[in-house]
Amino acid sequence: MTLHGAGRRAAALAVTITVAGCSSGAGRPVVPQTRPPALGASPSGPPSRHTGEFDGPWGTPVLSDDFGGTRLDPRKWQVYDAPNATSHPGIAAGTRVSGGHLVLVGGLYNGKDESAGVVSQLAQTYGRWEVRLRADPGSGYSATAFLWPTRLGDPEWTEIDFAEIMDSTRRTGGLFIHHGQDDQQLMKVTRVDFTKWHTVAVDWLPDHITFWVDGKRAWTYRGPFVPQRADMHLYLRNEVKDGFHRTASSPQKVTMDVDWIRVYRAPAGMR
């Protein structure tokens, strides 16, 4: 499997509209959507394990990981490693499993800003993806959970971001649907304190995409931007952001933690 994502995401992220901490840019069309109501923060303290926070006929996960032990399971994940990429560079040294979490550490490595991340070996068309995560503050980095096709543009140009936490304080997160070779976008913003643990999820089905935060529906989209044919991988990445820069207050290392993930196939009657 080839790791994708650098060039197109760089262009896409440079054009978000100015809403709740996201910067604006120019060059590609953006289709703004109405901002959803604020979502309540979950209590601080130890993260909860998967407890069926999202209802629905999803059955048994086809991919799950609680990140126990001390090593990432290579049957489930490929580490993001592109240290010399011109956009979204990433280094394998930033990824580890520790204390029951996947730990993704973006930051300065030999004086160069690098991302850290993983991509699932599993790809599928339609289903549900759930991730429990948190992120340290830090300008220049974004904690992300998103779906990306095996081959961008074959058969579709598409991307679904169900957590794109660009806000340096981690007090808001973006939801994005990217569509087409010209990278048109739909977006909404959730007002959540992502320095604490939260569970984000996305349902992708033939006629809609629904985004969730802590079991609350944040946005349901029905329209022509819903992908119909792509096979999508789950990416978890603590990204160096093109157009977003570290400041004097940015720590040398910025950590994103993932407690667990679950991926479900869409039941036959929903595909």
Protein backbone atom coordinates (compact mmCIF):
# COMPACT_ATOMS: atom_id res chain seq x y z
CA MET A 1 0.00 0.00 0.00
CA THR A 2 1.29 3.43 -0.93
CA LEU A 3 0.95 6.26 1.56
CA HIS A 4 -0.91 9.20 0.09
CA GLY A 5 -2.02 12.57 1.29
CA ALA A 6 0.74 15.14 1.12
CA GLY A 7 0.02 17.29 -1.91
CA ARG A 8 -3.75 17.38 -2.03
CA ARG A 9 -4.22 17.84 1.70
CA ALA A 10 -1.76 20.72 1.59
CA ALA A 11 -3.86 22.46 -1.03
CA ALA A 12 -7.10 21.61 0.72
CA LEU A 13 -6.10 22.81 4.14
CA ALA A 14 -4.95 26.14 2.80
CA VAL A 15 -8.48 27.16 1.83
CA THR A 16 -10.64 26.67 4.90
CA ILE A 17 -12.93 29.56 5.69
CA THR A 18 -12.42 31.62 8.82
CA VAL A 19 -14.63 29.97 11.45
CA ALA A 20 -13.77 29.38 15.11
CA GLY A 21 -10.00 29.36 14.82
CA CYS A 22 -9.55 28.11 11.25
CA SER A 23 -7.55 30.27 8.87
CA SER A 24 -8.73 31.30 5.45
CA GLY A 25 -6.80 31.02 2.23
CA ALA A 26 -7.29 31.26 -1.47
CA GLY A 27 -7.13 29.23 -4.62
CA ARG A 28 -9.80 26.52 -4.39
CA PRO A 29 -13.57 26.76 -3.92
CA VAL A 30 -15.03 26.27 -0.46
CA VAL A 31 -18.72 25.64 0.19
CA PRO A 32 -19.43 26.81 3.75
CA GLN A 33 -22.12 25.16 5.86
CA THR A 34 -23.94 26.45 8.92
CA ARG A 35 -22.05 25.93 12.16
CA PRO A 36 -23.63 23.30 14.48
CA PRO A 37 -24.47 24.04 18.10
CA ALA A 38 -21.67 23.68 20.63
CA LEU A 39 -21.08 20.18 21.93
CA GLY A 40 -20.41 19.54 25.59
CA ALA A 41 -16.99 18.37 26.74
CA SER A 42 -16.60 14.96 28.30
CA PRO A 43 -15.29 14.76 31.88
CA SER A 44 -11.57 14.87 32.43
CA GLY A 45 -9.77 11.88 33.87
CA PRO A 46 -8.95 8.44 32.51
CA PRO A 47 -10.34 7.69 29.06
CA SER A 48 -13.27 5.32 28.87
CA ARG A 49 -12.96 2.12 26.87
CA HIS A 50 -15.41 1.39 24.09
CA THR A 51 -18.88 1.14 25.63
CA GLY A 52 -21.24 1.31 22.69
CA GLU A 53 -21.51 5.09 22.64
CA PHE A 54 -22.93 5.04 19.12
CA ASP A 55 -26.15 3.15 18.50
CA GLY A 56 -26.93 1.34 15.28
CA PRO A 57 -26.96 -2.04 13.55
CA TRP A 58 -23.19 -2.21 13.02
CA GLY A 59 -22.43 -5.63 14.47
CA THR A 60 -18.86 -6.77 15.14
CA PRO A 61 -15.97 -4.48 14.18
CA VAL A 62 -13.88 -5.58 11.22
CA LEU A 63 -10.95 -3.66 12.67
CA SER A 64 -10.36 -2.76 16.31
CA ASP A 65 -7.34 -1.82 18.36
CA ASP A 66 -6.95 -0.87 22.03
CA PHE A 67 -3.19 -0.37 21.56
CA GLY A 68 -2.12 -2.73 24.31
CA GLY A 69 1.42 -4.00 24.52
CA THR A 70 4.44 -2.10 23.31
CA ARG A 71 4.31 -2.43 19.52
CA LEU A 72 1.99 -1.42 16.73
CA ASP A 73 0.38 -4.42 14.99
CA PRO A 74 1.74 -4.42 11.39
CA ARG A 75 -1.23 -6.52 10.27
CA LYS A 76 -3.44 -3.55 11.09
CA TRP A 77 -1.27 -0.48 10.51
CA GLN A 78 1.43 1.05 8.38
CA VAL A 79 3.50 3.83 9.96
CA TYR A 80 3.59 7.13 8.12
CA ASP A 81 7.20 7.73 7.08
CA ALA A 82 7.97 10.51 4.60
CA PRO A 83 10.63 12.64 6.30
CA ASN A 84 11.69 14.49 3.17
CA ALA A 85 8.24 15.19 1.73
CA THR A 86 7.76 18.79 0.62
CA SER A 87 4.29 18.79 2.19
CA HIS A 88 3.25 17.06 5.44
CA PRO A 89 6.63 15.43 6.12
CA GLY A 90 6.46 12.60 8.64
CA ILE A 91 8.93 10.50 10.58
CA ALA A 92 8.49 6.95 11.90
CA ALA A 93 10.31 7.84 15.12
CA GLY A 94 7.29 9.91 16.15
CA THR A 95 5.01 6.87 16.41
CA ARG A 96 4.91 4.50 19.38
CA VAL A 97 2.57 2.45 21.55
CA SER A 98 2.78 3.14 25.26
CA GLY A 99 0.50 2.91 28.30
CA GLY A 100 -2.38 1.46 26.30
CA HIS A 101 -2.35 4.32 23.79
CA LEU A 102 -1.11 5.03 20.31
CA VAL A 103 1.19 8.03 20.81
CA LEU A 104 1.87 10.29 17.82
CA VAL A 105 4.52 12.91 18.49
CA GLY A 106 4.95 15.66 15.94
CA GLY A 107 7.71 18.17 16.41
CA LEU A 108 11.33 18.99 15.82
CA TYR A 109 13.51 16.04 14.83
CA ASN A 110 17.10 17.06 14.06
CA GLY A 111 15.85 20.62 13.78
CA LYS A 112 13.12 19.83 11.23
CA ASP A 113 9.34 19.82 11.81
CA GLU A 114 7.94 16.35 11.21
CA SER A 115 4.49 14.76 11.44
CA ALA A 116 3.75 11.38 12.99
CA GLY A 117 0.99 8.99 11.98
CA VAL A 118 -0.38 5.65 10.90
CA VAL A 119 -2.73 4.40 8.19
CA SER A 120 -4.92 1.29 8.43
CA GLN A 121 -4.13 -1.66 6.21
CA LEU A 122 -7.90 -2.14 5.92
CA ALA A 123 -9.75 -0.21 3.24
CA GLN A 124 -13.49 -0.40 2.61
CA THR A 125 -16.41 1.28 0.90
CA TYR A 126 -19.06 2.45 3.39
CA GLY A 127 -19.16 1.79 7.10
CA ARG A 128 -18.45 3.44 10.43
CA TRP A 129 -15.13 4.59 11.88
CA GLU A 130 -14.73 5.49 15.58
CA VAL A 131 -11.67 6.97 17.30
CA ARG A 132 -11.11 8.07 20.90
CA LEU A 133 -8.40 10.72 21.01
CA ARG A 134 -6.95 13.79 22.67
CA ALA A 135 -4.22 16.28 21.69
CA ASP A 136 -1.73 18.63 23.33
CA PRO A 137 -1.84 22.31 22.37
CA GLY A 138 0.76 23.58 19.92
CA SER A 139 0.81 25.96 16.98
CA GLY A 140 1.85 24.45 13.66
CA TYR A 141 0.33 20.99 14.19
CA SER A 142 -3.08 19.44 13.66
CA ALA A 143 -4.42 16.25 15.24
CA THR A 144 -6.37 14.44 12.53
CA ALA A 145 -8.55 11.39 11.94
CA PHE A 146 -9.61 11.08 8.31
CA LEU A 147 -10.53 8.71 5.50
CA TRP A 148 -8.39 8.65 2.36
CA PRO A 149 -8.77 6.42 -0.73
CA THR A 150 -6.25 3.80 -1.76
CA ARG A 151 -5.66 5.67 -5.03
CA LEU A 152 -6.77 9.29 -5.07
CA GLY A 153 -8.79 9.93 -8.22
CA ASP A 154 -9.24 6.23 -9.05
CA PRO A 155 -12.19 5.93 -9.00
CA GLU A 156 -12.93 9.14 -7.06
CA TRP A 157 -11.35 12.31 -5.74
CA THR A 158 -12.51 12.32 -2.15
CA GLU A 159 -11.52 12.75 1.48
CA ILE A 160 -13.54 12.74 4.72
CA ASP A 161 -12.05 14.40 7.82
CA PHE A 162 -13.96 13.59 11.01
CA ALA A 163 -11.43 15.28 13.27
CA GLU A 164 -9.11 17.96 11.95
CA ILE A 165 -7.98 19.87 15.03
CA MET A 166 -6.02 22.78 13.59
CA ASP A 167 -6.81 25.19 16.44
CA SER A 168 -3.54 25.57 18.38
CA THR A 169 -5.48 25.58 21.68
CA ARG A 170 -7.36 22.38 20.67
CA ARG A 171 -10.67 23.99 21.67
CA THR A 172 -12.31 23.49 18.27
CA GLY A 173 -12.18 20.84 15.57
CA GLY A 174 -13.02 20.84 11.88
CA LEU A 175 -15.23 18.43 9.94
CA PHE A 176 -14.53 18.37 6.21
CA ILE A 177 -15.81 16.65 3.07
CA HIS A 178 -13.51 17.07 0.04
CA HIS A 179 -14.83 16.32 -3.43
CA GLY A 180 -13.55 16.38 -6.98
CA GLN A 181 -10.24 17.01 -8.69
CA ASP A 182 -10.63 20.73 -8.01
CA ASP A 183 -11.00 19.90 -4.29
CA GLN A 184 -14.31 21.53 -3.47
CA GLN A 185 -15.03 21.41 0.25
CA LEU A 186 -17.84 21.36 2.74
CA MET A 187 -17.02 22.06 6.37
CA LYS A 188 -18.36 22.54 9.87
CA VAL A 189 -16.70 23.30 13.18
CA THR A 190 -17.24 21.58 16.54
CA ARG A 191 -16.53 23.49 19.75
CA VAL A 192 -14.87 20.84 21.90
CA ASP A 193 -11.88 20.84 24.25
CA PHE A 194 -9.70 18.24 22.55
CA THR A 195 -7.02 18.48 25.22
CA LYS A 196 -9.41 16.08 27.01
CA TRP A 197 -10.53 12.69 25.74
CA HIS A 198 -13.35 12.61 23.18
CA THR A 199 -14.76 10.00 20.83
CA VAL A 200 -15.21 11.08 17.22
CA ALA A 201 -16.89 8.99 14.56
CA VAL A 202 -18.17 9.07 11.01
CA ASP A 203 -20.82 7.01 9.24
CA TRP A 204 -20.34 6.86 5.48
CA LEU A 205 -23.26 5.33 3.57
CA PRO A 206 -24.45 5.61 -0.05
CA ASP A 207 -26.85 8.48 0.64
CA HIS A 208 -25.27 10.38 3.54
CA ILE A 209 -22.31 11.06 5.80
CA THR A 210 -22.91 11.62 9.53
CA PHE A 211 -20.28 12.99 11.92
CA TRP A 212 -20.44 12.33 15.68
CA VAL A 213 -18.70 13.66 18.78
CA ASP A 214 -19.20 11.80 22.08
CA GLY A 215 -22.32 10.12 20.76
CA LYS A 216 -23.93 13.39 19.66
CA ARG A 217 -24.72 14.00 16.02
CA ALA A 218 -22.64 16.95 14.84
CA TRP A 219 -23.59 17.01 11.16
CA THR A 220 -25.39 14.89 8.57
CA TYR A 221 -24.73 15.66 4.93
CA ARG A 222 -26.83 14.37 2.02
CA GLY A 223 -25.81 15.49 -1.42
CA PRO A 224 -23.52 15.04 -4.41
CA PHE A 225 -20.28 15.15 -2.39
CA VAL A 226 -21.01 11.76 -0.77
CA PRO A 227 -18.42 9.31 -2.21
CA GLN A 228 -19.92 6.34 -4.04
CA ARG A 229 -17.06 4.06 -5.08
CA ALA A 230 -13.81 4.78 -3.24
CA ASP A 231 -12.20 2.32 -0.86
CA MET A 232 -11.05 4.31 2.14
CA HIS A 233 -8.29 3.81 4.73
CA LEU A 234 -8.30 5.31 8.22
CA TYR A 235 -5.47 7.79 8.79
CA LEU A 236 -4.48 8.98 12.26
CA ARG A 237 -1.91 11.74 11.98
CA ASN A 238 -0.42 14.50 14.09
CA GLU A 239 0.37 16.72 11.15
CA VAL A 240 2.75 19.51 10.35
CA LYS A 241 0.37 21.94 8.70
CA ASP A 242 1.24 23.76 5.52
CA GLY A 243 0.37 27.40 6.06
CA PHE A 244 0.29 26.94 9.85
CA HIS A 245 3.57 27.61 11.63
CA ARG A 246 5.10 26.96 15.00
CA THR A 247 5.50 30.00 17.24
CA ALA A 248 7.81 30.88 20.09
CA SER A 249 5.34 29.22 22.45
CA SER A 250 5.20 25.92 20.50
CA PRO A 251 6.85 23.05 22.38
CA GLN A 252 9.58 21.07 20.65
CA LYS A 253 7.26 18.07 20.60
CA VAL A 254 3.45 18.04 20.36
CA THR A 255 1.60 14.83 21.26
CA MET A 256 -1.65 13.30 19.99
CA ASP A 257 -2.91 10.24 21.90
CA VAL A 258 -5.35 7.60 20.62
CA ASP A 259 -6.99 5.30 23.15
CA TRP A 260 -8.85 2.99 20.78
CA ILE A 261 -10.36 2.67 17.30
CA ARG A 262 -13.23 0.64 15.85
CA VAL A 263 -14.15 0.15 12.20
CA TYR A 264 -17.41 -1.47 11.06
CA ARG A 265 -18.64 -2.53 7.66
CA ALA A 266 -22.01 -1.25 6.58
CA PRO A 267 -24.67 -4.00 6.86
CA ALA A 268 -25.86 -5.35 3.52
CA GLY A 269 -29.18 -3.55 3.78
CA MET A 270 -27.42 -0.20 4.19
CA ARG A 271 -25.03 -0.51 1.23
